[in-house]
Amino acid sequence: MRQCIADTDDGRIEIVDEGTTIEIRQVIFKRINTGGESLIPSESRRGSYQGIFKDFLEKCVKNELFNSLAPRTELTERRYEGFELVTRFFAYLNNYGNQYK
């Protein structure tokens, strides 16, 4: 991880290198969010991942059929509940055959 501290009081930028492990990313996100409202686990997971699959999940969350089948409130959307539901679906789908043989 590299740090870049701006010359102003507006904030601080943390740059997480691509090779940083998921565990370290989660620690960083938790540490950054120690003030104010704490991250819930789903927000931490969402902040830890990037790439093609995450982009795909975000497209799924915007899908009209998904939104009609799994309506959410403005509050739950701010907490990325849709992203969490889609993530859970693929996690269960990926492991379904292993658990129910």
PDB file of N, CA and C in Angstrom:
ATOM      1  N   MET A   1       0.838  -1.174   0.000  1.00  0.00           N
ATOM      2  CA  MET A   1       0.000   0.000   0.000  1.00  0.00           C
ATOM      3  C   MET A   1       0.881   1.234   0.000  1.00  0.00           C
ATOM      4  N   ARG A   2       0.491   2.191  -0.773  1.00  0.00           N
ATOM      5  CA  ARG A   2       1.191   3.469  -0.807  1.00  0.00           C
ATOM      6  C   ARG A   2       0.270   4.546  -0.263  1.00  0.00           C
ATOM      7  N   GLN A   3       0.839   5.563   0.314  1.00  0.00           N
ATOM      8  CA  GLN A   3       0.038   6.665   0.821  1.00  0.00           C
ATOM      9  C   GLN A   3       0.398   7.935   0.070  1.00  0.00           C
ATOM     10  N   CYS A   4      -0.603   8.737  -0.168  1.00  0.00           N
ATOM     11  CA  CYS A   4      -0.398  10.036  -0.791  1.00  0.00           C
ATOM     12  C   CYS A   4      -1.175  11.035   0.043  1.00  0.00           C
ATOM     13  N   ILE A   5      -0.492  11.956   0.663  1.00  0.00           N
ATOM     14  CA  ILE A   5      -1.159  12.938   1.504  1.00  0.00           C
ATOM     15  C   ILE A   5      -1.191  14.266   0.754  1.00  0.00           C
ATOM     16  N   ALA A   6      -2.401  14.774   0.552  1.00  0.00           N
ATOM     17  CA  ALA A   6      -2.587  16.018  -0.190  1.00  0.00           C
ATOM     18  C   ALA A   6      -2.084  17.200   0.631  1.00  0.00           C
ATOM     19  N   ASP A   7      -1.787  18.301  -0.066  1.00  0.00           N
ATOM     20  CA  ASP A   7      -1.295  19.503   0.601  1.00  0.00           C
ATOM     21  C   ASP A   7      -2.411  20.267   1.318  1.00  0.00           C
ATOM     22  N   THR A   8      -3.649  19.901   1.060  1.00  0.00           N
ATOM     23  CA  THR A   8      -4.765  20.602   1.696  1.00  0.00           C
ATOM     24  C   THR A   8      -5.328  19.753   2.826  1.00  0.00           C
ATOM     25  N   ASP A   9      -6.268  20.331   3.548  1.00  0.00           N
ATOM     26  CA  ASP A   9      -6.923  19.610   4.638  1.00  0.00           C
ATOM     27  C   ASP A   9      -8.141  18.832   4.154  1.00  0.00           C
ATOM     28  N   ASP A  10      -8.342  18.727   2.846  1.00  0.00           N
ATOM     29  CA  ASP A  10      -9.541  18.094   2.304  1.00  0.00           C
ATOM     30  C   ASP A  10      -9.591  16.592   2.536  1.00  0.00           C
ATOM     31  N   GLY A  11      -8.476  15.937   2.624  1.00  0.00           N
ATOM     32  CA  GLY A  11      -8.529  14.507   2.834  1.00  0.00           C
ATOM     33  C   GLY A  11      -7.218  13.813   2.537  1.00  0.00           C
ATOM     34  N   ARG A  12      -7.298  12.517   2.564  1.00  0.00           N
ATOM     35  CA  ARG A  12      -6.125  11.675   2.381  1.00  0.00           C
ATOM     36  C   ARG A  12      -6.463  10.609   1.349  1.00  0.00           C
ATOM     37  N   ILE A  13      -5.524  10.230   0.554  1.00  0.00           N
ATOM     38  CA  ILE A  13      -5.740   9.230  -0.478  1.00  0.00           C
ATOM     39  C   ILE A  13      -4.905   8.000  -0.156  1.00  0.00           C
ATOM     40  N   GLU A  14      -5.546   6.853  -0.134  1.00  0.00           N
ATOM     41  CA  GLU A  14      -4.857   5.578   0.059  1.00  0.00           C
ATOM     42  C   GLU A  14      -4.907   4.846  -1.279  1.00  0.00           C
ATOM     43  N   ILE A  15      -3.781   4.442  -1.786  1.00  0.00           N
ATOM     44  CA  ILE A  15      -3.722   3.686  -3.029  1.00  0.00           C
ATOM     45  C   ILE A  15      -3.372   2.247  -2.678  1.00  0.00           C
ATOM     46  N   VAL A  16      -4.282   1.337  -3.030  1.00  0.00           N
ATOM     47  CA  VAL A  16      -4.082  -0.079  -2.727  1.00  0.00           C
ATOM     48  C   VAL A  16      -3.564  -0.745  -3.998  1.00  0.00           C
ATOM     49  N   ASP A  17      -2.388  -1.328  -3.909  1.00  0.00           N
ATOM     50  CA  ASP A  17      -1.802  -1.993  -5.067  1.00  0.00           C
ATOM     51  C   ASP A  17      -2.616  -3.211  -5.474  1.00  0.00           C
ATOM     52  N   GLU A  18      -2.567  -3.550  -6.756  1.00  0.00           N
ATOM     53  CA  GLU A  18      -3.349  -4.652  -7.299  1.00  0.00           C
ATOM     54  C   GLU A  18      -3.055  -5.981  -6.609  1.00  0.00           C
ATOM     55  N   GLY A  19      -1.841  -6.212  -6.183  1.00  0.00           N
ATOM     56  CA  GLY A  19      -1.474  -7.482  -5.571  1.00  0.00           C
ATOM     57  C   GLY A  19      -1.812  -7.590  -4.092  1.00  0.00           C
ATOM     58  N   THR A  20      -2.415  -6.563  -3.507  1.00  0.00           N
ATOM     59  CA  THR A  20      -2.756  -6.584  -2.082  1.00  0.00           C
ATOM     60  C   THR A  20      -3.813  -7.648  -1.816  1.00  0.00           C
ATOM     61  N   THR A  21      -3.599  -8.455  -0.786  1.00  0.00           N
ATOM     62  CA  THR A  21      -4.535  -9.544  -0.481  1.00  0.00           C
ATOM     63  C   THR A  21      -5.871  -8.994  -0.005  1.00  0.00           C
ATOM     64  N   ILE A  22      -6.904  -9.825  -0.107  1.00  0.00           N
ATOM     65  CA  ILE A  22      -8.244  -9.433   0.318  1.00  0.00           C
ATOM     66  C   ILE A  22      -8.261  -9.097   1.801  1.00  0.00           C
ATOM     67  N   GLU A  23      -7.553  -9.880   2.607  1.00  0.00           N
ATOM     68  CA  GLU A  23      -7.540  -9.629   4.050  1.00  0.00           C
ATOM     69  C   GLU A  23      -6.969  -8.250   4.358  1.00  0.00           C
ATOM     70  N   ILE A  24      -5.875  -7.898   3.692  1.00  0.00           N
ATOM     71  CA  ILE A  24      -5.257  -6.581   3.912  1.00  0.00           C
ATOM     72  C   ILE A  24      -6.192  -5.474   3.429  1.00  0.00           C
ATOM     73  N   ARG A  25      -6.847  -5.686   2.291  1.00  0.00           N
ATOM     74  CA  ARG A  25      -7.787  -4.681   1.780  1.00  0.00           C
ATOM     75  C   ARG A  25      -8.908  -4.434   2.800  1.00  0.00           C
ATOM     76  N   GLN A  26      -9.424  -5.511   3.378  1.00  0.00           N
ATOM     77  CA  GLN A  26     -10.500  -5.355   4.352  1.00  0.00           C
ATOM     78  C   GLN A  26     -10.012  -4.615   5.592  1.00  0.00           C
ATOM     79  N   VAL A  27      -8.803  -4.897   6.024  1.00  0.00           N
ATOM     80  CA  VAL A  27      -8.235  -4.183   7.170  1.00  0.00           C
ATOM     81  C   VAL A  27      -8.112  -2.698   6.851  1.00  0.00           C
ATOM     82  N   ILE A  28      -7.643  -2.394   5.644  1.00  0.00           N
ATOM     83  CA  ILE A  28      -7.491  -0.985   5.238  1.00  0.00           C
ATOM     84  C   ILE A  28      -8.837  -0.283   5.235  1.00  0.00           C
ATOM     85  N   PHE A  29      -9.856  -0.912   4.618  1.00  0.00           N
ATOM     86  CA  PHE A  29     -11.174  -0.289   4.575  1.00  0.00           C
ATOM     87  C   PHE A  29     -11.741  -0.087   5.965  1.00  0.00           C
ATOM     88  N   LYS A  30     -11.550  -1.049   6.852  1.00  0.00           N
ATOM     89  CA  LYS A  30     -12.041  -0.905   8.221  1.00  0.00           C
ATOM     90  C   LYS A  30     -11.308   0.221   8.947  1.00  0.00           C
ATOM     91  N   ARG A  31      -9.994   0.303   8.747  1.00  0.00           N
ATOM     92  CA  ARG A  31      -9.204   1.332   9.416  1.00  0.00           C
ATOM     93  C   ARG A  31      -9.581   2.722   8.911  1.00  0.00           C
ATOM     94  N   ILE A  32      -9.802   2.847   7.615  1.00  0.00           N
ATOM     95  CA  ILE A  32     -10.181   4.143   7.048  1.00  0.00           C
ATOM     96  C   ILE A  32     -11.532   4.577   7.605  1.00  0.00           C
ATOM     97  N   ASN A  33     -12.398   3.636   7.854  1.00  0.00           N
ATOM     98  CA  ASN A  33     -13.759   3.940   8.261  1.00  0.00           C
ATOM     99  C   ASN A  33     -13.947   3.911   9.778  1.00  0.00           C
ATOM    100  N   THR A  34     -12.932   4.209  10.547  1.00  0.00           N
ATOM    101  CA  THR A  34     -13.073   4.152  12.003  1.00  0.00           C
ATOM    102  C   THR A  34     -13.891   5.303  12.563  1.00  0.00           C
ATOM    103  N   GLY A  35     -14.005   6.396  11.856  1.00  0.00           N
ATOM    104  CA  GLY A  35     -14.818   7.509  12.324  1.00  0.00           C
ATOM    105  C   GLY A  35     -16.181   7.480  11.670  1.00  0.00           C
ATOM    106  N   GLY A  36     -17.162   8.116  12.289  1.00  0.00           N
ATOM    107  CA  GLY A  36     -18.494   8.170  11.699  1.00  0.00           C
ATOM    108  C   GLY A  36     -19.178   6.822  11.719  1.00  0.00           C
ATOM    109  N   GLU A  37     -19.887   6.513  10.656  1.00  0.00           N
ATOM    110  CA  GLU A  37     -20.655   5.269  10.562  1.00  0.00           C
ATOM    111  C   GLU A  37     -19.762   4.147  10.063  1.00  0.00           C
ATOM    112  N   SER A  38     -19.730   3.062  10.795  1.00  0.00           N
ATOM    113  CA  SER A  38     -18.871   1.934  10.440  1.00  0.00           C
ATOM    114  C   SER A  38     -19.403   1.188   9.228  1.00  0.00           C
ATOM    115  N   LEU A  39     -18.487   0.582   8.506  1.00  0.00           N
ATOM    116  CA  LEU A  39     -18.868  -0.261   7.391  1.00  0.00           C
ATOM    117  C   LEU A  39     -19.549  -1.520   7.894  1.00  0.00           C
ATOM    118  N   ILE A  40     -20.553  -1.957   7.150  1.00  0.00           N
ATOM    119  CA  ILE A  40     -21.108  -3.274   7.417  1.00  0.00           C
ATOM    120  C   ILE A  40     -20.294  -4.253   6.580  1.00  0.00           C
ATOM    121  N   PRO A  41     -20.298  -5.555   6.922  1.00  0.00           N
ATOM    122  CA  PRO A  41     -19.446  -6.510   6.200  1.00  0.00           C
ATOM    123  C   PRO A  41     -19.624  -6.484   4.679  1.00  0.00           C
ATOM    124  N   SER A  42     -20.862  -6.315   4.199  1.00  0.00           N
ATOM    125  CA  SER A  42     -21.074  -6.302   2.748  1.00  0.00           C
ATOM    126  C   SER A  42     -20.394  -5.104   2.097  1.00  0.00           C
ATOM    127  N   GLU A  43     -20.377  -3.963   2.770  1.00  0.00           N
ATOM    128  CA  GLU A  43     -19.701  -2.784   2.218  1.00  0.00           C
ATOM    129  C   GLU A  43     -18.196  -3.009   2.179  1.00  0.00           C
ATOM    130  N   SER A  44     -17.678  -3.654   3.192  1.00  0.00           N
ATOM    131  CA  SER A  44     -16.255  -3.962   3.220  1.00  0.00           C
ATOM    132  C   SER A  44     -15.883  -4.910   2.091  1.00  0.00           C
ATOM    133  N   ARG A  45     -16.708  -5.939   1.876  1.00  0.00           N
ATOM    134  CA  ARG A  45     -16.443  -6.877   0.779  1.00  0.00           C
ATOM    135  C   ARG A  45     -16.499  -6.163  -0.563  1.00  0.00           C
ATOM    136  N   ARG A  46     -17.508  -5.329  -0.744  1.00  0.00           N
ATOM    137  CA  ARG A  46     -17.661  -4.612  -2.010  1.00  0.00           C
ATOM    138  C   ARG A  46     -16.458  -3.714  -2.270  1.00  0.00           C
ATOM    139  N   GLY A  47     -15.940  -3.098  -1.240  1.00  0.00           N
ATOM    140  CA  GLY A  47     -14.777  -2.231  -1.392  1.00  0.00           C
ATOM    141  C   GLY A  47     -13.485  -2.990  -1.608  1.00  0.00           C
ATOM    142  N   SER A  48     -13.486  -4.274  -1.309  1.00  0.00           N
ATOM    143  CA  SER A  48     -12.268  -5.080  -1.409  1.00  0.00           C
ATOM    144  C   SER A  48     -12.047  -5.673  -2.792  1.00  0.00           C
ATOM    145  N   TYR A  49     -13.100  -5.775  -3.578  1.00  0.00           N
ATOM    146  CA  TYR A  49     -12.985  -6.465  -4.858  1.00  0.00           C
ATOM    147  C   TYR A  49     -13.039  -5.481  -6.017  1.00  0.00           C
ATOM    148  N   GLN A  50     -12.385  -5.867  -7.099  1.00  0.00           N
ATOM    149  CA  GLN A  50     -12.464  -5.093  -8.329  1.00  0.00           C
ATOM    150  C   GLN A  50     -12.219  -6.031  -9.494  1.00  0.00           C
ATOM    151  N   GLY A  51     -12.601  -5.596 -10.658  1.00  0.00           N
ATOM    152  CA  GLY A  51     -12.348  -6.410 -11.835  1.00  0.00           C
ATOM    153  C   GLY A  51     -13.609  -6.750 -12.607  1.00  0.00           C
ATOM    154  N   ILE A  52     -13.463  -7.675 -13.537  1.00  0.00           N
ATOM    155  CA  ILE A  52     -14.533  -8.030 -14.466  1.00  0.00           C
ATOM    156  C   ILE A  52     -15.752  -8.599 -13.737  1.00  0.00           C
ATOM    157  N   PHE A  53     -15.519  -9.491 -12.767  1.00  0.00           N
ATOM    158  CA  PHE A  53     -16.657 -10.096 -12.079  1.00  0.00           C
ATOM    159  C   PHE A  53     -17.431  -9.063 -11.259  1.00  0.00           C
ATOM    160  N   LYS A  54     -16.739  -8.145 -10.608  1.00  0.00           N
ATOM    161  CA  LYS A  54     -17.428  -7.102  -9.850  1.00  0.00           C
ATOM    162  C   LYS A  54     -18.241  -6.226 -10.803  1.00  0.00           C
ATOM    163  N   ASP A  55     -17.677  -5.897 -11.958  1.00  0.00           N
ATOM    164  CA  ASP A  55     -18.408  -5.116 -12.953  1.00  0.00           C
ATOM    165  C   ASP A  55     -19.670  -5.859 -13.395  1.00  0.00           C
ATOM    166  N   PHE A  56     -19.536  -7.184 -13.594  1.00  0.00           N
ATOM    167  CA  PHE A  56     -20.681  -8.009 -13.965  1.00  0.00           C
ATOM    168  C   PHE A  56     -21.745  -7.978 -12.872  1.00  0.00           C
ATOM    169  N   LEU A  57     -21.323  -8.103 -11.615  1.00  0.00           N
ATOM    170  CA  LEU A  57     -22.279  -8.066 -10.502  1.00  0.00           C
ATOM    171  C   LEU A  57     -23.019  -6.734 -10.459  1.00  0.00           C
ATOM    172  N   GLU A  58     -22.310  -5.649 -10.700  1.00  0.00           N
ATOM    173  CA  GLU A  58     -22.944  -4.333 -10.681  1.00  0.00           C
ATOM    174  C   GLU A  58     -23.949  -4.191 -11.825  1.00  0.00           C
ATOM    175  N   LYS A  59     -23.670  -4.813 -12.971  1.00  0.00           N
ATOM    176  CA  LYS A  59     -24.647  -4.819 -14.073  1.00  0.00           C
ATOM    177  C   LYS A  59     -25.883  -5.612 -13.668  1.00  0.00           C
ATOM    178  N   CYS A  60     -25.675  -6.731 -12.991  1.00  0.00           N
ATOM    179  CA  CYS A  60     -26.809  -7.552 -12.531  1.00  0.00           C
ATOM    180  C   CYS A  60     -27.704  -6.754 -11.590  1.00  0.00           C
ATOM    181  N   VAL A  61     -27.107  -5.960 -10.718  1.00  0.00           N
ATOM    182  CA  VAL A  61     -27.873  -5.164  -9.757  1.00  0.00           C
ATOM    183  C   VAL A  61     -28.766  -4.160 -10.487  1.00  0.00           C
ATOM    184  N   LYS A  62     -28.347  -3.693 -11.640  1.00  0.00           N
ATOM    185  CA  LYS A  62     -29.121  -2.710 -12.402  1.00  0.00           C
ATOM    186  C   LYS A  62     -30.160  -3.369 -13.318  1.00  0.00           C
ATOM    187  N   ASN A  63     -30.187  -4.695 -13.369  1.00  0.00           N
ATOM    188  CA  ASN A  63     -31.100  -5.427 -14.239  1.00  0.00           C
ATOM    189  C   ASN A  63     -32.552  -5.194 -13.821  1.00  0.00           C
ATOM    190  N   GLU A  64     -33.400  -4.888 -14.785  1.00  0.00           N
ATOM    191  CA  GLU A  64     -34.800  -4.564 -14.512  1.00  0.00           C
ATOM    192  C   GLU A  64     -35.545  -5.730 -13.865  1.00  0.00           C
ATOM    193  N   LEU A  65     -35.337  -6.953 -14.359  1.00  0.00           N
ATOM    194  CA  LEU A  65     -36.010  -8.117 -13.788  1.00  0.00           C
ATOM    195  C   LEU A  65     -35.566  -8.348 -12.344  1.00  0.00           C
ATOM    196  N   PHE A  66     -34.269  -8.250 -12.083  1.00  0.00           N
ATOM    197  CA  PHE A  66     -33.771  -8.410 -10.710  1.00  0.00           C
ATOM    198  C   PHE A  66     -34.417  -7.384  -9.786  1.00  0.00           C
ATOM    199  N   ASN A  67     -34.492  -6.131 -10.236  1.00  0.00           N
ATOM    200  CA  ASN A  67     -35.061  -5.078  -9.395  1.00  0.00           C
ATOM    201  C   ASN A  67     -36.547  -5.278  -9.137  1.00  0.00           C
ATOM    202  N   SER A  68     -37.257  -5.874 -10.094  1.00  0.00           N
ATOM    203  CA  SER A  68     -38.678  -6.137  -9.847  1.00  0.00           C
ATOM    204  C   SER A  68     -38.868  -7.327  -8.908  1.00  0.00           C
ATOM    205  N   LEU A  69     -37.955  -8.290  -8.949  1.00  0.00           N
ATOM    206  CA  LEU A  69     -38.046  -9.464  -8.076  1.00  0.00           C
ATOM    207  C   LEU A  69     -37.499  -9.207  -6.676  1.00  0.00           C
ATOM    208  N   ALA A  70     -36.566  -8.274  -6.561  1.00  0.00           N
ATOM    209  CA  ALA A  70     -35.936  -7.975  -5.270  1.00  0.00           C
ATOM    210  C   ALA A  70     -35.930  -6.465  -5.040  1.00  0.00           C
ATOM    211  N   PRO A  71     -37.121  -5.890  -4.807  1.00  0.00           N
ATOM    212  CA  PRO A  71     -37.167  -4.441  -4.588  1.00  0.00           C
ATOM    213  C   PRO A  71     -36.442  -4.047  -3.299  1.00  0.00           C
ATOM    214  N   ARG A  72     -35.859  -2.876  -3.327  1.00  0.00           N
ATOM    215  CA  ARG A  72     -35.118  -2.387  -2.174  1.00  0.00           C
ATOM    216  C   ARG A  72     -35.493  -0.935  -1.913  1.00  0.00           C
ATOM    217  N   THR A  73     -35.289  -0.498  -0.692  1.00  0.00           N
ATOM    218  CA  THR A  73     -35.552   0.895  -0.343  1.00  0.00           C
ATOM    219  C   THR A  73     -34.315   1.737  -0.651  1.00  0.00           C
ATOM    220  N   GLU A  74     -34.480   3.021  -0.566  1.00  0.00           N
ATOM    221  CA  GLU A  74     -33.344   3.920  -0.778  1.00  0.00           C
ATOM    222  C   GLU A  74     -32.252   3.659   0.273  1.00  0.00           C
ATOM    223  N   LEU A  75     -32.681   3.417   1.504  1.00  0.00           N
ATOM    224  CA  LEU A  75     -31.726   3.135   2.576  1.00  0.00           C
ATOM    225  C   LEU A  75     -30.931   1.858   2.292  1.00  0.00           C
ATOM    226  N   THR A  76     -31.625   0.786   1.920  1.00  0.00           N
ATOM    227  CA  THR A  76     -30.906  -0.462   1.663  1.00  0.00           C
ATOM    228  C   THR A  76     -30.029  -0.348   0.419  1.00  0.00           C
ATOM    229  N   GLU A  77     -30.412   0.480  -0.527  1.00  0.00           N
ATOM    230  CA  GLU A  77     -29.559   0.675  -1.704  1.00  0.00           C
ATOM    231  C   GLU A  77     -28.281   1.421  -1.331  1.00  0.00           C
ATOM    232  N   ARG A  78     -28.378   2.358  -0.417  1.00  0.00           N
ATOM    233  CA  ARG A  78     -27.161   3.063   0.029  1.00  0.00           C
ATOM    234  C   ARG A  78     -26.208   2.108   0.727  1.00  0.00           C
ATOM    235  N   ARG A  79     -26.747   1.018   1.285  1.00  0.00           N
ATOM    236  CA  ARG A  79     -25.925   0.008   1.949  1.00  0.00           C
ATOM    237  C   ARG A  79     -25.582  -1.148   0.997  1.00  0.00           C
ATOM    238  N   TYR A  80     -25.877  -0.959  -0.287  1.00  0.00           N
ATOM    239  CA  TYR A  80     -25.514  -1.924  -1.346  1.00  0.00           C
ATOM    240  C   TYR A  80     -26.143  -3.303  -1.118  1.00  0.00           C
ATOM    241  N   GLU A  81     -27.394  -3.326  -0.652  1.00  0.00           N
ATOM    242  CA  GLU A  81     -28.061  -4.605  -0.445  1.00  0.00           C
ATOM    243  C   GLU A  81     -28.235  -5.361  -1.765  1.00  0.00           C
ATOM    244  N   GLY A  82     -28.513  -4.658  -2.846  1.00  0.00           N
ATOM    245  CA  GLY A  82     -28.654  -5.321  -4.141  1.00  0.00           C
ATOM    246  C   GLY A  82     -27.378  -6.033  -4.549  1.00  0.00           C
ATOM    247  N   PHE A  83     -26.255  -5.373  -4.366  1.00  0.00           N
ATOM    248  CA  PHE A  83     -24.968  -5.981  -4.676  1.00  0.00           C
ATOM    249  C   PHE A  83     -24.751  -7.222  -3.816  1.00  0.00           C
ATOM    250  N   GLU A  84     -25.115  -7.132  -2.552  1.00  0.00           N
ATOM    251  CA  GLU A  84     -24.953  -8.263  -1.639  1.00  0.00           C
ATOM    252  C   GLU A  84     -25.847  -9.434  -2.057  1.00  0.00           C
ATOM    253  N   LEU A  85     -27.085  -9.155  -2.467  1.00  0.00           N
ATOM    254  CA  LEU A  85     -27.991 -10.217  -2.899  1.00  0.00           C
ATOM    255  C   LEU A  85     -27.463 -10.932  -4.138  1.00  0.00           C
ATOM    256  N   VAL A  86     -26.978 -10.160  -5.092  1.00  0.00           N
ATOM    257  CA  VAL A  86     -26.429 -10.751  -6.317  1.00  0.00           C
ATOM    258  C   VAL A  86     -25.179 -11.562  -5.990  1.00  0.00           C
ATOM    259  N   THR A  87     -24.326 -11.043  -5.118  1.00  0.00           N
ATOM    260  CA  THR A  87     -23.114 -11.755  -4.709  1.00  0.00           C
ATOM    261  C   THR A  87     -23.467 -13.077  -4.041  1.00  0.00           C
ATOM    262  N   ARG A  88     -24.459 -13.049  -3.148  1.00  0.00           N
ATOM    263  CA  ARG A  88     -24.894 -14.277  -2.477  1.00  0.00           C
ATOM    264  C   ARG A  88     -25.438 -15.293  -3.473  1.00  0.00           C
ATOM    265  N   PHE A  89     -26.214 -14.810  -4.450  1.00  0.00           N
ATOM    266  CA  PHE A  89     -26.770 -15.718  -5.456  1.00  0.00           C
ATOM    267  C   PHE A  89     -25.654 -16.499  -6.150  1.00  0.00           C
ATOM    268  N   PHE A  90     -24.627 -15.794  -6.604  1.00  0.00           N
ATOM    269  CA  PHE A  90     -23.543 -16.471  -7.312  1.00  0.00           C
ATOM    270  C   PHE A  90     -22.694 -17.337  -6.374  1.00  0.00           C
ATOM    271  N   ALA A  91     -22.586 -16.940  -5.123  1.00  0.00           N
ATOM    272  CA  ALA A  91     -21.866 -17.774  -4.158  1.00  0.00           C
ATOM    273  C   ALA A  91     -22.611 -19.089  -3.944  1.00  0.00           C
ATOM    274  N   TYR A  92     -23.922 -19.015  -3.770  1.00  0.00           N
ATOM    275  CA  TYR A  92     -24.719 -20.235  -3.607  1.00  0.00           C
ATOM    276  C   TYR A  92     -24.707 -21.075  -4.879  1.00  0.00           C
ATOM    277  N   LEU A  93     -24.842 -20.412  -6.014  1.00  0.00           N
ATOM    278  CA  LEU A  93     -24.838 -21.118  -7.292  1.00  0.00           C
ATOM    279  C   LEU A  93     -23.528 -21.869  -7.499  1.00  0.00           C
ATOM    280  N   ASN A  94     -22.432 -21.223  -7.160  1.00  0.00           N
ATOM    281  CA  ASN A  94     -21.108 -21.821  -7.325  1.00  0.00           C
ATOM    282  C   ASN A  94     -20.908 -23.032  -6.414  1.00  0.00           C
ATOM    283  N   ASN A  95     -21.526 -23.027  -5.250  1.00  0.00           N
ATOM    284  CA  ASN A  95     -21.317 -24.083  -4.266  1.00  0.00           C
ATOM    285  C   ASN A  95     -22.504 -25.043  -4.174  1.00  0.00           C
ATOM    286  N   TYR A  96     -23.549 -24.814  -4.941  1.00  0.00           N
ATOM    287  CA  TYR A  96     -24.782 -25.602  -4.818  1.00  0.00           C
ATOM    288  C   TYR A  96     -24.544 -27.086  -4.999  1.00  0.00           C
ATOM    289  N   GLY A  97     -23.823 -27.487  -6.028  1.00  0.00           N
ATOM    290  CA  GLY A  97     -23.573 -28.897  -6.292  1.00  0.00           C
ATOM    291  C   GLY A  97     -22.768 -29.589  -5.212  1.00  0.00           C
ATOM    292  N   ASN A  98     -21.909 -28.863  -4.534  1.00  0.00           N
ATOM    293  CA  ASN A  98     -21.087 -29.448  -3.481  1.00  0.00           C
ATOM    294  C   ASN A  98     -21.863 -29.731  -2.200  1.00  0.00           C
ATOM    295  N   GLN A  99     -22.884 -28.936  -1.926  1.00  0.00           N
ATOM    296  CA  GLN A  99     -23.623 -29.086  -0.669  1.00  0.00           C
ATOM    297  C   GLN A  99     -24.806 -30.020  -0.773  1.00  0.00           C
ATOM    298  N   TYR A 100     -25.335 -30.187  -1.957  1.00  0.00           N
ATOM    299  CA  TYR A 100     -26.595 -30.922  -2.082  1.00  0.00           C
ATOM    300  C   TYR A 100     -26.475 -32.149  -2.983  1.00  0.00           C
ATOM    301  N   LYS A 101     -25.402 -32.911  -2.815  1.00  0.00           N
ATOM    302  CA  LYS A 101     -25.214 -34.132  -3.605  1.00  0.00           C
ATOM    303  C   LYS A 101     -25.950 -35.276  -2.962  1.00  0.00           C
TER     304      LYS A 101
END
